[in-house]
Amino acid sequence: MPEIVADLHLHSTFSDGLNTPEELIQLVVAKGLKAFSLTDHDSVKGLEFAKTDKATLIPGIELTSTLEGKEVHILGYYINAGYAPLLETLNDIAVRRQKRLLDIVDKLNTAGKVRLDKDELTESLEQRSYNRLNLARFMVKKGLTPNVERAFNLYIGDNAAAYEAVNFFSPLAAIRLIHKAGGIAFLAHPYSNDTSALIPELVECGLNGIEAFHPAHTSANVEKCIDWAKRFKIGICGGSDYHGNANSPRKILAAGLSGERLVEFMALNPLRDFVAA
């Protein structure tokens, strides 16, 4: 197996990761990676703190879109994190994320399954995103459930009574926003959330590539992604989807790009004439 030299899917405390951007950099450097991307969910705030001269930072984001009730995650790379329309959209999403999560808490409290203090939850989140993973961690901390998996299975998962659907915008709108911010758009882990059938439609919408290398992808899934990329002449990316959970298989070096794949990826950079691969 080729050596992994780049991890293009990392999450920090500015979304639902457990490590700060500075801590992620320490891990990236310790693992000997040459390039990495911080791709927080619907946030670019962590990019300001992810600077290092020991590895190449590819500015990124993971946008949460929805199509026919299904979440479709779109990774954006080489984005201009200061692009005003992007920041306005992300600020709007942050407000909607907060309302959605607190609505879930209200449902849980009303049903009498558990009792959650919304003020305490809000205080615990600090800079973190209002999302279900952070809510599940809070529930574990309060002793309401033994682990995150049980929290999702019993209380806040897609099939649970307290579930509130995400409806921020469509994949097309996500792709267009990434392009307007100067970036390139990739479909995240299509075989971990059953979105591979959308690839032809998303390519027509301007999708630039697919995340082939991911801890949740089998070797057969990876080959299918590579076949999709060849068929539509689009790019390939890969990363660990690292959130910092000790018991998760999504660890740095669990998935990523080889040196050859990294060169191919960096050739897709809209500003490649000014960047050395």
C-alpha atoms as a PDB file:
ATOM      1  CA  MET A   1       0.000   0.000   0.000  1.00  0.00           C
ATOM      2  CA  PRO A   2       1.421   3.431  -0.964  1.00  0.00           C
ATOM      3  CA  GLU A   3       2.514   5.667   1.885  1.00  0.00           C
ATOM      4  CA  ILE A   4      -0.069   8.259   2.929  1.00  0.00           C
ATOM      5  CA  VAL A   5       1.393  11.764   2.761  1.00  0.00           C
ATOM      6  CA  ALA A   6      -1.798  13.877   2.884  1.00  0.00           C
ATOM      7  CA  ASP A   7      -4.972  13.866   4.967  1.00  0.00           C
ATOM      8  CA  LEU A   8      -7.627  16.064   3.382  1.00  0.00           C
ATOM      9  CA  HIS A   9     -10.460  15.484   5.847  1.00  0.00           C
ATOM     10  CA  LEU A  10      -9.919  16.679   9.423  1.00  0.00           C
ATOM     11  CA  HIS A  11     -12.273  18.224  11.994  1.00  0.00           C
ATOM     12  CA  SER A  12     -11.435  20.534  14.875  1.00  0.00           C
ATOM     13  CA  THR A  13     -13.204  21.989  17.909  1.00  0.00           C
ATOM     14  CA  PHE A  14     -14.728  24.595  15.597  1.00  0.00           C
ATOM     15  CA  SER A  15     -17.183  21.922  14.455  1.00  0.00           C
ATOM     16  CA  ASP A  16     -17.384  18.498  16.103  1.00  0.00           C
ATOM     17  CA  GLY A  17     -13.750  17.514  16.535  1.00  0.00           C
ATOM     18  CA  LEU A  18     -12.073  17.093  19.914  1.00  0.00           C
ATOM     19  CA  ASN A  19      -8.751  18.706  18.951  1.00  0.00           C
ATOM     20  CA  THR A  20      -8.088  22.393  18.440  1.00  0.00           C
ATOM     21  CA  PRO A  21      -6.568  23.396  15.084  1.00  0.00           C
ATOM     22  CA  GLU A  22      -3.221  23.862  16.849  1.00  0.00           C
ATOM     23  CA  GLU A  23      -3.415  20.336  18.269  1.00  0.00           C
ATOM     24  CA  LEU A  24      -4.306  18.958  14.852  1.00  0.00           C
ATOM     25  CA  ILE A  25      -1.205  20.564  13.399  1.00  0.00           C
ATOM     26  CA  GLN A  26       0.920  18.865  16.044  1.00  0.00           C
ATOM     27  CA  LEU A  27      -0.622  15.504  15.079  1.00  0.00           C
ATOM     28  CA  VAL A  28      -0.187  16.160  11.364  1.00  0.00           C
ATOM     29  CA  VAL A  29       3.480  17.048  11.805  1.00  0.00           C
ATOM     30  CA  ALA A  30       4.096  14.107  14.158  1.00  0.00           C
ATOM     31  CA  LYS A  31       2.627  11.730  11.560  1.00  0.00           C
ATOM     32  CA  GLY A  32       4.959  13.125   8.915  1.00  0.00           C
ATOM     33  CA  LEU A  33       2.227  14.357   6.576  1.00  0.00           C
ATOM     34  CA  LYS A  34       3.218  16.755   3.817  1.00  0.00           C
ATOM     35  CA  ALA A  35      -0.254  18.257   3.341  1.00  0.00           C
ATOM     36  CA  PHE A  36      -3.549  18.428   5.206  1.00  0.00           C
ATOM     37  CA  SER A  37      -6.920  20.117   5.048  1.00  0.00           C
ATOM     38  CA  LEU A  38      -9.063  21.338   7.906  1.00  0.00           C
ATOM     39  CA  THR A  39     -12.623  20.656   6.749  1.00  0.00           C
ATOM     40  CA  ASP A  40     -14.871  21.631   9.619  1.00  0.00           C
ATOM     41  CA  HIS A  41     -18.608  21.234   9.163  1.00  0.00           C
ATOM     42  CA  ASP A  42     -20.079  24.488   7.831  1.00  0.00           C
ATOM     43  CA  SER A  43     -17.295  26.574   9.375  1.00  0.00           C
ATOM     44  CA  VAL A  44     -14.008  28.171   8.338  1.00  0.00           C
ATOM     45  CA  LYS A  45     -13.213  29.735  11.723  1.00  0.00           C
ATOM     46  CA  GLY A  46     -10.529  27.173  12.545  1.00  0.00           C
ATOM     47  CA  LEU A  47      -8.481  27.926   9.437  1.00  0.00           C
ATOM     48  CA  GLU A  48      -7.101  31.076  11.042  1.00  0.00           C
ATOM     49  CA  PHE A  49      -5.422  28.907  13.694  1.00  0.00           C
ATOM     50  CA  ALA A  50      -4.209  26.104  11.418  1.00  0.00           C
ATOM     51  CA  LYS A  51      -1.067  27.803  10.115  1.00  0.00           C
ATOM     52  CA  THR A  52       2.244  25.946   9.961  1.00  0.00           C
ATOM     53  CA  ASP A  53       5.409  25.962   7.861  1.00  0.00           C
ATOM     54  CA  LYS A  54       5.945  22.221   8.353  1.00  0.00           C
ATOM     55  CA  ALA A  55       3.092  20.989   6.138  1.00  0.00           C
ATOM     56  CA  THR A  56       0.951  22.463   3.364  1.00  0.00           C
ATOM     57  CA  LEU A  57      -2.478  23.611   4.517  1.00  0.00           C
ATOM     58  CA  ILE A  58      -5.205  23.292   1.899  1.00  0.00           C
ATOM     59  CA  PRO A  59      -8.057  25.526   3.143  1.00  0.00           C
ATOM     60  CA  GLY A  60     -11.201  23.444   3.328  1.00  0.00           C
ATOM     61  CA  ILE A  61     -14.765  23.024   4.547  1.00  0.00           C
ATOM     62  CA  GLU A  62     -17.440  20.325   4.646  1.00  0.00           C
ATOM     63  CA  LEU A  63     -20.836  21.747   3.715  1.00  0.00           C
ATOM     64  CA  THR A  64     -23.999  19.977   4.836  1.00  0.00           C
ATOM     65  CA  SER A  65     -26.557  19.907   2.033  1.00  0.00           C
ATOM     66  CA  THR A  66     -29.790  17.978   1.612  1.00  0.00           C
ATOM     67  CA  LEU A  67     -31.433  16.315  -1.360  1.00  0.00           C
ATOM     68  CA  GLU A  68     -34.820  14.606  -1.030  1.00  0.00           C
ATOM     69  CA  GLY A  69     -34.354  14.247   2.714  1.00  0.00           C
ATOM     70  CA  LYS A  70     -30.857  12.747   2.469  1.00  0.00           C
ATOM     71  CA  GLU A  71     -27.792  14.534   3.814  1.00  0.00           C
ATOM     72  CA  VAL A  72     -25.160  15.078   1.129  1.00  0.00           C
ATOM     73  CA  HIS A  73     -21.803  16.310   2.393  1.00  0.00           C
ATOM     74  CA  ILE A  74     -19.775  18.413  -0.022  1.00  0.00           C
ATOM     75  CA  LEU A  75     -16.093  19.048   0.664  1.00  0.00           C
ATOM     76  CA  GLY A  76     -14.676  22.347  -0.556  1.00  0.00           C
ATOM     77  CA  TYR A  77     -10.944  22.851  -1.091  1.00  0.00           C
ATOM     78  CA  TYR A  78      -8.810  25.919  -1.828  1.00  0.00           C
ATOM     79  CA  ILE A  79     -11.650  28.163  -0.706  1.00  0.00           C
ATOM     80  CA  ASN A  80     -11.205  31.815   0.126  1.00  0.00           C
ATOM     81  CA  ALA A  81     -12.170  31.745   3.807  1.00  0.00           C
ATOM     82  CA  GLY A  82     -12.734  35.503   3.785  1.00  0.00           C
ATOM     83  CA  TYR A  83     -15.247  35.498   0.927  1.00  0.00           C
ATOM     84  CA  ALA A  84     -18.148  37.579   2.254  1.00  0.00           C
ATOM     85  CA  PRO A  85     -21.081  35.607   0.726  1.00  0.00           C
ATOM     86  CA  LEU A  86     -19.587  32.386   2.115  1.00  0.00           C
ATOM     87  CA  LEU A  87     -19.308  33.889   5.603  1.00  0.00           C
ATOM     88  CA  GLU A  88     -22.852  35.222   5.423  1.00  0.00           C
ATOM     89  CA  THR A  89     -24.165  31.780   4.478  1.00  0.00           C
ATOM     90  CA  LEU A  90     -22.179  30.071   7.248  1.00  0.00           C
ATOM     91  CA  ASN A  91     -23.445  32.573   9.817  1.00  0.00           C
ATOM     92  CA  ASP A  92     -27.003  31.804   8.733  1.00  0.00           C
ATOM     93  CA  ILE A  93     -26.343  28.064   8.985  1.00  0.00           C
ATOM     94  CA  ALA A  94     -24.896  28.518  12.489  1.00  0.00           C
ATOM     95  CA  VAL A  95     -28.142  30.143  13.620  1.00  0.00           C
ATOM     96  CA  ARG A  96     -30.204  27.385  12.021  1.00  0.00           C
ATOM     97  CA  ARG A  97     -27.957  24.703  13.507  1.00  0.00           C
ATOM     98  CA  GLN A  98     -28.522  26.109  16.979  1.00  0.00           C
ATOM     99  CA  LYS A  99     -32.304  26.173  16.550  1.00  0.00           C
ATOM    100  CA  ARG A 100     -32.333  22.636  15.169  1.00  0.00           C
ATOM    101  CA  LEU A 101     -30.308  21.206  18.058  1.00  0.00           C
ATOM    102  CA  LEU A 102     -32.340  22.993  20.701  1.00  0.00           C
ATOM    103  CA  ASP A 103     -35.528  21.743  19.014  1.00  0.00           C
ATOM    104  CA  ILE A 104     -34.154  18.215  19.389  1.00  0.00           C
ATOM    105  CA  VAL A 105     -33.503  18.892  23.077  1.00  0.00           C
ATOM    106  CA  ASP A 106     -37.071  20.158  23.475  1.00  0.00           C
ATOM    107  CA  LYS A 107     -38.391  16.952  21.904  1.00  0.00           C
ATOM    108  CA  LEU A 108     -36.296  14.825  24.266  1.00  0.00           C
ATOM    109  CA  ASN A 109     -37.411  16.784  27.296  1.00  0.00           C
ATOM    110  CA  THR A 110     -41.066  16.747  26.258  1.00  0.00           C
ATOM    111  CA  ALA A 111     -40.998  13.001  25.699  1.00  0.00           C
ATOM    112  CA  GLY A 112     -39.569  12.559  29.185  1.00  0.00           C
ATOM    113  CA  LYS A 113     -36.860  10.194  27.971  1.00  0.00           C
ATOM    114  CA  VAL A 114     -34.094  12.362  29.422  1.00  0.00           C
ATOM    115  CA  ARG A 115     -33.810  15.814  30.942  1.00  0.00           C
ATOM    116  CA  LEU A 116     -31.337  18.226  29.403  1.00  0.00           C
ATOM    117  CA  ASP A 117     -30.546  21.761  30.553  1.00  0.00           C
ATOM    118  CA  LYS A 118     -30.337  23.886  27.405  1.00  0.00           C
ATOM    119  CA  ASP A 119     -28.370  26.657  29.127  1.00  0.00           C
ATOM    120  CA  GLU A 120     -25.805  24.161  30.367  1.00  0.00           C
ATOM    121  CA  LEU A 121     -25.575  22.595  26.912  1.00  0.00           C
ATOM    122  CA  THR A 122     -25.059  26.005  25.298  1.00  0.00           C
ATOM    123  CA  GLU A 123     -22.321  26.868  27.799  1.00  0.00           C
ATOM    124  CA  SER A 124     -20.571  23.538  27.191  1.00  0.00           C
ATOM    125  CA  LEU A 125     -20.449  24.029  23.427  1.00  0.00           C
ATOM    126  CA  GLU A 126     -18.502  27.327  23.561  1.00  0.00           C
ATOM    127  CA  GLN A 127     -17.005  27.690  20.046  1.00  0.00           C
ATOM    128  CA  ARG A 128     -18.190  24.254  18.952  1.00  0.00           C
ATOM    129  CA  SER A 129     -20.892  23.606  16.389  1.00  0.00           C
ATOM    130  CA  TYR A 130     -24.463  22.862  17.391  1.00  0.00           C
ATOM    131  CA  ASN A 131     -24.660  19.339  15.999  1.00  0.00           C
ATOM    132  CA  ARG A 132     -25.795  15.927  17.128  1.00  0.00           C
ATOM    133  CA  LEU A 133     -22.332  14.512  17.808  1.00  0.00           C
ATOM    134  CA  ASN A 134     -21.618  17.280  20.288  1.00  0.00           C
ATOM    135  CA  LEU A 135     -25.064  16.760  21.828  1.00  0.00           C
ATOM    136  CA  ALA A 136     -24.359  13.028  22.167  1.00  0.00           C
ATOM    137  CA  ARG A 137     -21.059  13.769  23.900  1.00  0.00           C
ATOM    138  CA  PHE A 138     -22.862  16.097  26.308  1.00  0.00           C
ATOM    139  CA  MET A 139     -25.375  13.340  27.089  1.00  0.00           C
ATOM    140  CA  VAL A 140     -22.525  10.924  27.840  1.00  0.00           C
ATOM    141  CA  LYS A 141     -20.840  13.509  30.075  1.00  0.00           C
ATOM    142  CA  LYS A 142     -24.082  13.961  32.023  1.00  0.00           C
ATOM    143  CA  GLY A 143     -24.419  10.211  32.491  1.00  0.00           C
ATOM    144  CA  LEU A 144     -27.608   9.996  30.451  1.00  0.00           C
ATOM    145  CA  THR A 145     -26.215   7.379  28.098  1.00  0.00           C
ATOM    146  CA  PRO A 146     -23.087   5.176  28.286  1.00  0.00           C
ATOM    147  CA  ASN A 147     -21.661   6.155  24.895  1.00  0.00           C
ATOM    148  CA  VAL A 148     -22.204   8.213  21.751  1.00  0.00           C
ATOM    149  CA  GLU A 149     -23.434   5.255  19.727  1.00  0.00           C
ATOM    150  CA  ARG A 150     -26.223   4.543  22.206  1.00  0.00           C
ATOM    151  CA  ALA A 151     -27.214   8.203  22.250  1.00  0.00           C
ATOM    152  CA  PHE A 152     -27.742   8.080  18.494  1.00  0.00           C
ATOM    153  CA  ASN A 153     -29.458   4.690  18.511  1.00  0.00           C
ATOM    154  CA  LEU A 154     -31.924   5.520  21.263  1.00  0.00           C
ATOM    155  CA  TYR A 155     -32.413   9.265  21.173  1.00  0.00           C
ATOM    156  CA  ILE A 156     -31.076  11.418  18.342  1.00  0.00           C
ATOM    157  CA  GLY A 157     -30.285   9.204  15.340  1.00  0.00           C
ATOM    158  CA  ASP A 158     -31.972   9.540  11.948  1.00  0.00           C
ATOM    159  CA  ASN A 159     -34.695   7.078  12.943  1.00  0.00           C
ATOM    160  CA  ALA A 160     -35.216   8.364  16.476  1.00  0.00           C
ATOM    161  CA  ALA A 161     -38.354  10.221  17.539  1.00  0.00           C
ATOM    162  CA  ALA A 162     -36.393  13.378  18.414  1.00  0.00           C
ATOM    163  CA  TYR A 163     -34.688  13.626  15.006  1.00  0.00           C
ATOM    164  CA  GLU A 164     -34.864  16.947  13.201  1.00  0.00           C
ATOM    165  CA  ALA A 165     -33.857  16.933   9.546  1.00  0.00           C
ATOM    166  CA  VAL A 166     -31.154  19.234   8.209  1.00  0.00           C
ATOM    167  CA  ASN A 167     -32.324  21.530   5.432  1.00  0.00           C
ATOM    168  CA  PHE A 168     -29.676  24.178   4.902  1.00  0.00           C
ATOM    169  CA  PHE A 169     -29.417  24.088   1.105  1.00  0.00           C
ATOM    170  CA  SER A 170     -29.141  21.774  -1.893  1.00  0.00           C
ATOM    171  CA  PRO A 171     -25.946  20.082  -3.139  1.00  0.00           C
ATOM    172  CA  LEU A 172     -26.125  22.323  -6.211  1.00  0.00           C
ATOM    173  CA  ALA A 173     -26.156  25.417  -4.007  1.00  0.00           C
ATOM    174  CA  ALA A 174     -23.246  24.016  -1.965  1.00  0.00           C
ATOM    175  CA  ILE A 175     -21.183  23.350  -5.094  1.00  0.00           C
ATOM    176  CA  ARG A 176     -21.920  26.800  -6.481  1.00  0.00           C
ATOM    177  CA  LEU A 177     -20.987  28.455  -3.190  1.00  0.00           C
ATOM    178  CA  ILE A 178     -17.653  26.618  -3.102  1.00  0.00           C
ATOM    179  CA  HIS A 179     -16.934  27.660  -6.692  1.00  0.00           C
ATOM    180  CA  LYS A 180     -17.836  31.281  -5.977  1.00  0.00           C
ATOM    181  CA  ALA A 181     -15.440  31.155  -3.008  1.00  0.00           C
ATOM    182  CA  GLY A 182     -12.684  30.165  -5.457  1.00  0.00           C
ATOM    183  CA  GLY A 183     -12.617  26.482  -4.531  1.00  0.00           C
ATOM    184  CA  ILE A 184     -13.250  23.023  -5.918  1.00  0.00           C
ATOM    185  CA  ALA A 185     -16.083  20.762  -4.754  1.00  0.00           C
ATOM    186  CA  PHE A 186     -15.841  17.050  -3.868  1.00  0.00           C
ATOM    187  CA  LEU A 187     -18.522  14.588  -2.760  1.00  0.00           C
ATOM    188  CA  ALA A 188     -17.598  13.283   0.695  1.00  0.00           C
ATOM    189  CA  HIS A 189     -17.511   9.518   1.446  1.00  0.00           C
ATOM    190  CA  PRO A 190     -20.252   8.506  -1.038  1.00  0.00           C
ATOM    191  CA  TYR A 191     -20.345   4.878   0.117  1.00  0.00           C
ATOM    192  CA  SER A 192     -20.611   5.595   3.840  1.00  0.00           C
ATOM    193  CA  ASN A 193     -23.866   7.530   3.513  1.00  0.00           C
ATOM    194  CA  ASP A 194     -25.249   6.016   0.307  1.00  0.00           C
ATOM    195  CA  THR A 195     -24.907   9.024  -1.996  1.00  0.00           C
ATOM    196  CA  SER A 196     -22.956   7.407  -4.846  1.00  0.00           C
ATOM    197  CA  ALA A 197     -26.041   7.285  -7.094  1.00  0.00           C
ATOM    198  CA  LEU A 198     -26.041  11.086  -7.084  1.00  0.00           C
ATOM    199  CA  ILE A 199     -22.600  11.358  -8.689  1.00  0.00           C
ATOM    200  CA  PRO A 200     -23.756  11.767 -12.335  1.00  0.00           C
ATOM    201  CA  GLU A 201     -26.254  14.464 -11.341  1.00  0.00           C
ATOM    202  CA  LEU A 202     -23.709  16.257  -9.150  1.00  0.00           C
ATOM    203  CA  VAL A 203     -21.098  16.176 -11.929  1.00  0.00           C
ATOM    204  CA  GLU A 204     -23.607  17.980 -14.144  1.00  0.00           C
ATOM    205  CA  CYS A 205     -23.890  20.552 -11.355  1.00  0.00           C
ATOM    206  CA  GLY A 206     -20.125  21.125 -11.439  1.00  0.00           C
ATOM    207  CA  LEU A 207     -18.764  18.563  -8.973  1.00  0.00           C
ATOM    208  CA  ASN A 208     -14.971  18.459  -9.297  1.00  0.00           C
ATOM    209  CA  GLY A 209     -14.243  15.158  -7.605  1.00  0.00           C
ATOM    210  CA  ILE A 210     -15.005  12.356  -5.148  1.00  0.00           C
ATOM    211  CA  GLU A 211     -13.573  11.365  -1.792  1.00  0.00           C
ATOM    212  CA  ALA A 212     -12.412   7.834  -2.623  1.00  0.00           C
ATOM    213  CA  PHE A 213     -10.096   7.136   0.308  1.00  0.00           C
ATOM    214  CA  HIS A 214     -12.004   7.085   3.610  1.00  0.00           C
ATOM    215  CA  PRO A 215     -11.904   4.725   6.614  1.00  0.00           C
ATOM    216  CA  ALA A 216     -15.540   3.701   6.020  1.00  0.00           C
ATOM    217  CA  HIS A 217     -14.822   2.702   2.408  1.00  0.00           C
ATOM    218  CA  THR A 218     -13.946  -0.877   1.570  1.00  0.00           C
ATOM    219  CA  SER A 219     -11.396  -1.612  -1.146  1.00  0.00           C
ATOM    220  CA  ALA A 220     -14.347  -2.298  -3.461  1.00  0.00           C
ATOM    221  CA  ASN A 221     -15.804   1.126  -2.598  1.00  0.00           C
ATOM    222  CA  VAL A 222     -12.466   2.766  -3.385  1.00  0.00           C
ATOM    223  CA  GLU A 223     -12.321   1.063  -6.779  1.00  0.00           C
ATOM    224  CA  LYS A 224     -15.863   2.194  -7.557  1.00  0.00           C
ATOM    225  CA  CYS A 225     -14.921   5.776  -6.702  1.00  0.00           C
ATOM    226  CA  ILE A 226     -11.874   5.588  -8.935  1.00  0.00           C
ATOM    227  CA  ASP A 227     -14.065   4.205 -11.730  1.00  0.00           C
ATOM    228  CA  TRP A 228     -16.500   7.099 -11.276  1.00  0.00           C
ATOM    229  CA  ALA A 229     -13.612   9.572 -11.438  1.00  0.00           C
ATOM    230  CA  LYS A 230     -12.242   8.041 -14.628  1.00  0.00           C
ATOM    231  CA  ARG A 231     -15.699   7.922 -16.220  1.00  0.00           C
ATOM    232  CA  PHE A 232     -16.416  11.597 -15.597  1.00  0.00           C
ATOM    233  CA  LYS A 233     -12.803  12.842 -15.701  1.00  0.00           C
ATOM    234  CA  ILE A 234     -12.971  14.318 -12.212  1.00  0.00           C
ATOM    235  CA  GLY A 235     -10.555  14.306  -9.288  1.00  0.00           C
ATOM    236  CA  ILE A 236      -9.996  12.090  -6.267  1.00  0.00           C
ATOM    237  CA  CYS A 237      -9.356  13.087  -2.674  1.00  0.00           C
ATOM    238  CA  GLY A 238      -9.058  11.212   0.587  1.00  0.00           C
ATOM    239  CA  GLY A 239      -8.720  11.615   4.309  1.00  0.00           C
ATOM    240  CA  SER A 240      -9.327  10.125   7.711  1.00  0.00           C
ATOM    241  CA  ASP A 241     -12.422  12.167   8.645  1.00  0.00           C
ATOM    242  CA  TYR A 242     -10.653  12.474  11.989  1.00  0.00           C
ATOM    243  CA  HIS A 243     -12.711  13.822  14.891  1.00  0.00           C
ATOM    244  CA  GLY A 244     -10.414  12.784  17.747  1.00  0.00           C
ATOM    245  CA  ASN A 245     -12.542   9.961  19.148  1.00  0.00           C
ATOM    246  CA  ALA A 246     -10.234   7.421  20.771  1.00  0.00           C
ATOM    247  CA  ASN A 247     -12.354   4.389  19.849  1.00  0.00           C
ATOM    248  CA  SER A 248     -13.016   5.410  16.254  1.00  0.00           C
ATOM    249  CA  PRO A 249     -11.313   3.865  13.209  1.00  0.00           C
ATOM    250  CA  ARG A 250     -11.175   7.358  11.722  1.00  0.00           C
ATOM    251  CA  LYS A 251      -7.603   8.053  12.754  1.00  0.00           C
ATOM    252  CA  ILE A 252      -4.925  10.051  10.950  1.00  0.00           C
ATOM    253  CA  LEU A 253      -3.139   7.738   8.476  1.00  0.00           C
ATOM    254  CA  ALA A 254      -6.211   5.471   8.362  1.00  0.00           C
ATOM    255  CA  ALA A 255      -6.934   6.986   4.948  1.00  0.00           C
ATOM    256  CA  GLY A 256      -5.500   9.701   2.754  1.00  0.00           C
ATOM    257  CA  LEU A 257      -3.527  10.380  -0.403  1.00  0.00           C
ATOM    258  CA  SER A 258      -0.232   8.978  -1.600  1.00  0.00           C
ATOM    259  CA  GLY A 259       2.401  11.303  -3.020  1.00  0.00           C
ATOM    260  CA  GLU A 260       1.279  10.628  -6.593  1.00  0.00           C
ATOM    261  CA  ARG A 261      -2.372  11.183  -5.706  1.00  0.00           C
ATOM    262  CA  LEU A 262      -1.480  14.398  -3.877  1.00  0.00           C
ATOM    263  CA  VAL A 263       0.287  15.795  -6.948  1.00  0.00           C
ATOM    264  CA  GLU A 264      -2.764  14.962  -9.062  1.00  0.00           C
ATOM    265  CA  PHE A 265      -5.043  16.611  -6.516  1.00  0.00           C
ATOM    266  CA  MET A 266      -2.974  19.777  -6.235  1.00  0.00           C
ATOM    267  CA  ALA A 267      -3.027  20.110 -10.021  1.00  0.00           C
ATOM    268  CA  LEU A 268      -6.769  20.811  -9.637  1.00  0.00           C
ATOM    269  CA  ASN A 269      -6.073  23.926  -7.566  1.00  0.00           C
ATOM    270  CA  PRO A 270      -7.683  26.897  -9.349  1.00  0.00           C
ATOM    271  CA  LEU A 271      -4.577  28.902  -8.378  1.00  0.00           C
ATOM    272  CA  ARG A 272      -2.137  26.140  -9.343  1.00  0.00           C
ATOM    273  CA  ASP A 273      -0.049  28.483 -11.485  1.00  0.00           C
ATOM    274  CA  PHE A 274       0.996  30.133  -8.230  1.00  0.00           C
ATOM    275  CA  VAL A 275       1.368  27.008  -6.079  1.00  0.00           C
ATOM    276  CA  ALA A 276       4.192  24.465  -6.131  1.00  0.00           C
ATOM    277  CA  ALA A 277       2.959  20.902  -5.679  1.00  0.00           C
END
